[in-house]
Amino acid sequence: MAFPVTPATLSDFQSIDALTEAEAGIIQCMATLFCNTLLPGITAISNTATGGTLENNIEVRAELVKDILCNYACKELSIADLISAISCKLAVDRGLIKSECDCDCEF
């Protein structure tokens, strides 16, 4: 490997902080990508490229925006599941809940 990776020695709370900071950066990048790149491209779709009618043009644009936003939502749902699992693990580790408590975790 060209660049050896040194494992981080972070506490659980430091790892969660790092995760949330990274997630905030990703969300900002996604917003910038959507607002500054994708949306102008979608807006620039011409009538001739979509069949020539205004109605068809609007439908194509709406479908693209819907697909992008649905994919963003799926990504956010995955992050929410990850954060939920981490919080459950920490609650079990700290003795705040019992390991057999139903917290949607499998510890």
N, C-alpha and C. Protein backbone atom coordinates (compact mmCIF):
# COMPACT_ATOMS: atom_id res chain seq x y z
N MET A 1 0.85 -1.17 0.00
CA MET A 1 0.00 0.00 0.00
C MET A 1 0.89 1.23 0.00
N ALA A 2 0.54 2.19 -0.81
CA ALA A 2 1.35 3.39 -0.95
C ALA A 2 1.28 4.31 0.26
N PHE A 3 0.12 4.37 0.89
CA PHE A 3 -0.07 5.25 2.03
C PHE A 3 -0.57 4.42 3.20
N PRO A 4 0.32 4.08 4.13
CA PRO A 4 -0.15 3.27 5.27
C PRO A 4 -1.14 4.05 6.12
N VAL A 5 -2.12 3.35 6.61
CA VAL A 5 -3.15 3.95 7.44
C VAL A 5 -2.86 3.63 8.89
N THR A 6 -2.82 4.66 9.70
CA THR A 6 -2.63 4.48 11.13
C THR A 6 -3.99 4.50 11.80
N PRO A 7 -4.36 3.43 12.49
CA PRO A 7 -5.68 3.43 13.13
C PRO A 7 -5.78 4.51 14.20
N ALA A 8 -6.93 5.14 14.25
CA ALA A 8 -7.17 6.18 15.24
C ALA A 8 -7.44 5.55 16.60
N THR A 9 -7.01 6.22 17.63
CA THR A 9 -7.28 5.74 18.99
C THR A 9 -8.19 6.76 19.67
N LEU A 10 -9.43 6.78 19.21
CA LEU A 10 -10.41 7.72 19.74
C LEU A 10 -11.33 7.01 20.72
N SER A 11 -11.79 7.76 21.69
CA SER A 11 -12.82 7.22 22.59
C SER A 11 -14.13 7.14 21.82
N ASP A 12 -15.12 6.48 22.43
CA ASP A 12 -16.43 6.39 21.79
C ASP A 12 -17.00 7.78 21.51
N PHE A 13 -16.90 8.66 22.48
CA PHE A 13 -17.45 10.00 22.31
C PHE A 13 -16.67 10.80 21.26
N GLN A 14 -15.36 10.64 21.22
CA GLN A 14 -14.57 11.31 20.19
C GLN A 14 -14.92 10.78 18.81
N SER A 15 -15.16 9.48 18.72
CA SER A 15 -15.56 8.89 17.45
C SER A 15 -16.91 9.43 16.99
N ILE A 16 -17.84 9.59 17.92
CA ILE A 16 -19.16 10.13 17.58
C ILE A 16 -19.02 11.59 17.14
N ASP A 17 -18.19 12.36 17.83
CA ASP A 17 -17.95 13.75 17.43
C ASP A 17 -17.36 13.80 16.02
N ALA A 18 -16.38 12.94 15.75
CA ALA A 18 -15.76 12.91 14.43
C ALA A 18 -16.78 12.52 13.36
N LEU A 19 -17.64 11.56 13.70
CA LEU A 19 -18.68 11.12 12.76
C LEU A 19 -19.65 12.26 12.46
N THR A 20 -20.09 12.97 13.49
CA THR A 20 -21.06 14.05 13.25
C THR A 20 -20.42 15.22 12.49
N GLU A 21 -19.15 15.50 12.76
CA GLU A 21 -18.46 16.55 12.00
C GLU A 21 -18.33 16.16 10.54
N ALA A 22 -17.97 14.90 10.30
CA ALA A 22 -17.86 14.43 8.92
C ALA A 22 -19.20 14.47 8.22
N GLU A 23 -20.25 14.07 8.93
CA GLU A 23 -21.59 14.08 8.35
C GLU A 23 -22.01 15.51 8.01
N ALA A 24 -21.71 16.45 8.88
CA ALA A 24 -22.04 17.85 8.61
C ALA A 24 -21.33 18.33 7.34
N GLY A 25 -20.08 17.94 7.18
CA GLY A 25 -19.33 18.31 5.97
C GLY A 25 -19.93 17.69 4.72
N ILE A 26 -20.36 16.43 4.83
CA ILE A 26 -20.97 15.74 3.69
C ILE A 26 -22.28 16.43 3.31
N ILE A 27 -23.09 16.77 4.31
CA ILE A 27 -24.36 17.43 4.04
C ILE A 27 -24.12 18.78 3.34
N GLN A 28 -23.11 19.52 3.79
CA GLN A 28 -22.80 20.80 3.16
C GLN A 28 -22.37 20.60 1.71
N CYS A 29 -21.54 19.58 1.47
CA CYS A 29 -21.10 19.30 0.10
C CYS A 29 -22.29 18.89 -0.78
N MET A 30 -23.19 18.09 -0.23
CA MET A 30 -24.36 17.67 -0.99
C MET A 30 -25.25 18.87 -1.32
N ALA A 31 -25.41 19.78 -0.37
CA ALA A 31 -26.22 20.98 -0.61
C ALA A 31 -25.57 21.84 -1.69
N THR A 32 -24.26 22.00 -1.62
CA THR A 32 -23.54 22.78 -2.61
C THR A 32 -23.66 22.13 -3.98
N LEU A 33 -23.48 20.81 -4.04
CA LEU A 33 -23.60 20.09 -5.30
C LEU A 33 -24.99 20.27 -5.89
N PHE A 34 -26.01 20.10 -5.05
CA PHE A 34 -27.38 20.22 -5.55
C PHE A 34 -27.68 21.64 -6.03
N CYS A 35 -27.37 22.63 -5.19
CA CYS A 35 -27.73 24.02 -5.50
C CYS A 35 -26.88 24.63 -6.60
N ASN A 36 -25.59 24.32 -6.61
CA ASN A 36 -24.68 25.00 -7.53
C ASN A 36 -24.41 24.23 -8.82
N THR A 37 -24.64 22.92 -8.83
CA THR A 37 -24.32 22.14 -10.02
C THR A 37 -25.55 21.45 -10.61
N LEU A 38 -26.23 20.66 -9.80
CA LEU A 38 -27.33 19.87 -10.34
C LEU A 38 -28.54 20.72 -10.72
N LEU A 39 -28.95 21.59 -9.82
CA LEU A 39 -30.15 22.39 -10.09
C LEU A 39 -30.00 23.27 -11.33
N PRO A 40 -28.87 23.98 -11.52
CA PRO A 40 -28.72 24.74 -12.76
C PRO A 40 -28.73 23.85 -14.00
N GLY A 41 -28.15 22.65 -13.89
CA GLY A 41 -28.18 21.72 -15.02
C GLY A 41 -29.58 21.25 -15.33
N ILE A 42 -30.35 20.99 -14.29
CA ILE A 42 -31.74 20.57 -14.48
C ILE A 42 -32.56 21.71 -15.08
N THR A 43 -32.33 22.91 -14.58
CA THR A 43 -33.05 24.09 -15.08
C THR A 43 -32.72 24.34 -16.55
N ALA A 44 -31.52 23.97 -16.96
CA ALA A 44 -31.08 24.23 -18.33
C ALA A 44 -31.60 23.21 -19.33
N ILE A 45 -32.31 22.19 -18.87
CA ILE A 45 -32.86 21.20 -19.81
C ILE A 45 -33.79 21.94 -20.77
N SER A 46 -33.51 21.80 -22.03
CA SER A 46 -34.30 22.55 -23.02
C SER A 46 -35.53 21.76 -23.45
N ASN A 47 -36.49 22.47 -24.01
CA ASN A 47 -37.69 21.83 -24.51
C ASN A 47 -37.38 20.84 -25.62
N THR A 48 -36.40 21.15 -26.44
CA THR A 48 -36.09 20.26 -27.57
C THR A 48 -35.53 18.93 -27.10
N ALA A 49 -34.82 18.92 -25.97
CA ALA A 49 -34.24 17.68 -25.45
C ALA A 49 -35.29 16.79 -24.81
N THR A 50 -36.45 17.32 -24.50
CA THR A 50 -37.45 16.54 -23.79
C THR A 50 -38.74 16.34 -24.57
N GLY A 51 -38.70 16.58 -25.84
CA GLY A 51 -39.89 16.36 -26.64
C GLY A 51 -40.57 17.63 -27.12
N GLY A 52 -40.09 18.76 -26.69
CA GLY A 52 -40.58 20.01 -27.22
C GLY A 52 -41.76 20.65 -26.52
N THR A 53 -42.37 20.01 -25.53
CA THR A 53 -43.51 20.64 -24.86
C THR A 53 -43.11 21.10 -23.47
N LEU A 54 -43.72 22.17 -23.03
CA LEU A 54 -43.44 22.70 -21.70
C LEU A 54 -43.81 21.67 -20.63
N GLU A 55 -44.95 20.99 -20.83
CA GLU A 55 -45.39 19.99 -19.85
C GLU A 55 -44.36 18.86 -19.73
N ASN A 56 -43.85 18.39 -20.85
CA ASN A 56 -42.86 17.32 -20.83
C ASN A 56 -41.57 17.80 -20.16
N ASN A 57 -41.17 19.03 -20.44
CA ASN A 57 -39.98 19.61 -19.85
C ASN A 57 -40.11 19.65 -18.32
N ILE A 58 -41.23 20.09 -17.82
CA ILE A 58 -41.45 20.17 -16.37
C ILE A 58 -41.45 18.77 -15.75
N GLU A 59 -42.05 17.80 -16.42
CA GLU A 59 -42.08 16.43 -15.90
C GLU A 59 -40.67 15.85 -15.80
N VAL A 60 -39.85 16.07 -16.80
CA VAL A 60 -38.48 15.55 -16.78
C VAL A 60 -37.70 16.20 -15.64
N ARG A 61 -37.82 17.50 -15.51
CA ARG A 61 -37.12 18.20 -14.43
C ARG A 61 -37.59 17.72 -13.06
N ALA A 62 -38.90 17.60 -12.89
CA ALA A 62 -39.45 17.15 -11.60
C ALA A 62 -38.98 15.73 -11.27
N GLU A 63 -38.94 14.87 -12.25
CA GLU A 63 -38.48 13.49 -12.04
C GLU A 63 -37.01 13.45 -11.61
N LEU A 64 -36.17 14.26 -12.23
CA LEU A 64 -34.76 14.33 -11.86
C LEU A 64 -34.58 14.83 -10.43
N VAL A 65 -35.28 15.90 -10.09
CA VAL A 65 -35.19 16.45 -8.74
C VAL A 65 -35.69 15.43 -7.72
N LYS A 66 -36.80 14.75 -8.03
CA LYS A 66 -37.35 13.73 -7.13
C LYS A 66 -36.33 12.61 -6.91
N ASP A 67 -35.72 12.14 -7.99
CA ASP A 67 -34.74 11.06 -7.86
C ASP A 67 -33.54 11.47 -7.01
N ILE A 68 -33.06 12.68 -7.22
CA ILE A 68 -31.91 13.17 -6.44
C ILE A 68 -32.29 13.28 -4.96
N LEU A 69 -33.43 13.90 -4.67
CA LEU A 69 -33.84 14.09 -3.28
C LEU A 69 -34.14 12.76 -2.60
N CYS A 70 -34.71 11.81 -3.32
CA CYS A 70 -34.95 10.48 -2.74
C CYS A 70 -33.64 9.79 -2.38
N ASN A 71 -32.64 9.92 -3.24
CA ASN A 71 -31.34 9.33 -2.95
C ASN A 71 -30.67 10.01 -1.77
N TYR A 72 -30.79 11.32 -1.68
CA TYR A 72 -30.27 12.05 -0.52
C TYR A 72 -30.97 11.55 0.75
N ALA A 73 -32.27 11.38 0.69
CA ALA A 73 -33.03 10.92 1.86
C ALA A 73 -32.61 9.52 2.28
N CYS A 74 -32.36 8.65 1.33
CA CYS A 74 -31.89 7.29 1.66
C CYS A 74 -30.53 7.34 2.37
N LYS A 75 -29.66 8.21 1.91
CA LYS A 75 -28.35 8.37 2.54
C LYS A 75 -28.53 8.87 3.97
N GLU A 76 -29.40 9.84 4.17
CA GLU A 76 -29.64 10.38 5.51
C GLU A 76 -30.26 9.33 6.43
N LEU A 77 -31.14 8.51 5.91
CA LEU A 77 -31.74 7.44 6.71
C LEU A 77 -30.67 6.45 7.16
N SER A 78 -29.72 6.16 6.30
CA SER A 78 -28.63 5.26 6.67
C SER A 78 -27.78 5.86 7.78
N ILE A 79 -27.49 7.14 7.69
CA ILE A 79 -26.72 7.81 8.75
C ILE A 79 -27.52 7.82 10.05
N ALA A 80 -28.82 8.06 9.97
CA ALA A 80 -29.67 8.05 11.18
C ALA A 80 -29.63 6.67 11.83
N ASP A 81 -29.68 5.61 11.03
CA ASP A 81 -29.59 4.25 11.57
C ASP A 81 -28.24 4.03 12.25
N LEU A 82 -27.17 4.54 11.64
CA LEU A 82 -25.84 4.40 12.22
C LEU A 82 -25.74 5.13 13.55
N ILE A 83 -26.22 6.35 13.61
CA ILE A 83 -26.17 7.13 14.85
C ILE A 83 -27.05 6.48 15.93
N SER A 84 -28.18 5.95 15.54
CA SER A 84 -29.04 5.24 16.49
C SER A 84 -28.33 4.02 17.07
N ALA A 85 -27.65 3.27 16.23
CA ALA A 85 -26.92 2.10 16.70
C ALA A 85 -25.78 2.50 17.64
N ILE A 86 -25.09 3.58 17.32
CA ILE A 86 -24.00 4.05 18.19
C ILE A 86 -24.56 4.49 19.54
N SER A 87 -25.66 5.23 19.52
CA SER A 87 -26.21 5.70 20.79
C SER A 87 -26.70 4.53 21.63
N CYS A 88 -27.26 3.52 21.00
CA CYS A 88 -27.70 2.33 21.72
C CYS A 88 -26.49 1.61 22.34
N LYS A 89 -25.43 1.47 21.56
CA LYS A 89 -24.22 0.82 22.08
C LYS A 89 -23.67 1.56 23.28
N LEU A 90 -23.61 2.88 23.19
CA LEU A 90 -23.11 3.66 24.31
C LEU A 90 -24.02 3.52 25.53
N ALA A 91 -25.33 3.49 25.32
CA ALA A 91 -26.27 3.34 26.44
C ALA A 91 -26.08 1.98 27.12
N VAL A 92 -25.86 0.95 26.33
CA VAL A 92 -25.62 -0.39 26.91
C VAL A 92 -24.27 -0.40 27.62
N ASP A 93 -23.22 0.15 26.98
CA ASP A 93 -21.88 0.18 27.59
C ASP A 93 -21.86 0.95 28.91
N ARG A 94 -22.65 2.02 29.00
CA ARG A 94 -22.67 2.85 30.20
C ARG A 94 -23.65 2.32 31.26
N GLY A 95 -24.36 1.26 30.93
CA GLY A 95 -25.30 0.68 31.87
C GLY A 95 -26.60 1.46 32.00
N LEU A 96 -26.86 2.33 31.05
CA LEU A 96 -28.10 3.10 31.09
C LEU A 96 -29.31 2.24 30.74
N ILE A 97 -29.09 1.25 29.91
CA ILE A 97 -30.12 0.27 29.60
C ILE A 97 -29.48 -1.11 29.66
N LYS A 98 -30.29 -2.12 29.88
CA LYS A 98 -29.77 -3.48 29.93
C LYS A 98 -29.61 -3.99 28.51
N SER A 99 -28.69 -4.91 28.34
CA SER A 99 -28.43 -5.41 26.99
C SER A 99 -29.63 -6.13 26.41
N GLU A 100 -30.51 -6.67 27.27
CA GLU A 100 -31.69 -7.32 26.73
C GLU A 100 -32.85 -6.35 26.52
N CYS A 101 -32.64 -5.09 26.85
CA CYS A 101 -33.67 -4.07 26.65
C CYS A 101 -33.91 -3.89 25.15
N ASP A 102 -35.15 -3.70 24.78
CA ASP A 102 -35.48 -3.54 23.36
C ASP A 102 -35.17 -2.12 22.92
N CYS A 103 -33.99 -1.97 22.34
CA CYS A 103 -33.61 -0.66 21.82
C CYS A 103 -33.23 -0.77 20.35
N ASP A 104 -33.76 -1.78 19.69
CA ASP A 104 -33.46 -2.05 18.29
C ASP A 104 -31.99 -2.37 18.05
N CYS A 105 -31.31 -2.80 19.07
CA CYS A 105 -29.91 -3.18 18.95
C CYS A 105 -29.79 -4.69 19.12
N GLU A 106 -28.71 -5.21 18.66
CA GLU A 106 -28.49 -6.64 18.83
C GLU A 106 -27.15 -6.86 19.54
N PHE A 107 -27.04 -6.34 20.74
CA PHE A 107 -25.81 -6.51 21.51
C PHE A 107 -25.98 -7.66 22.45
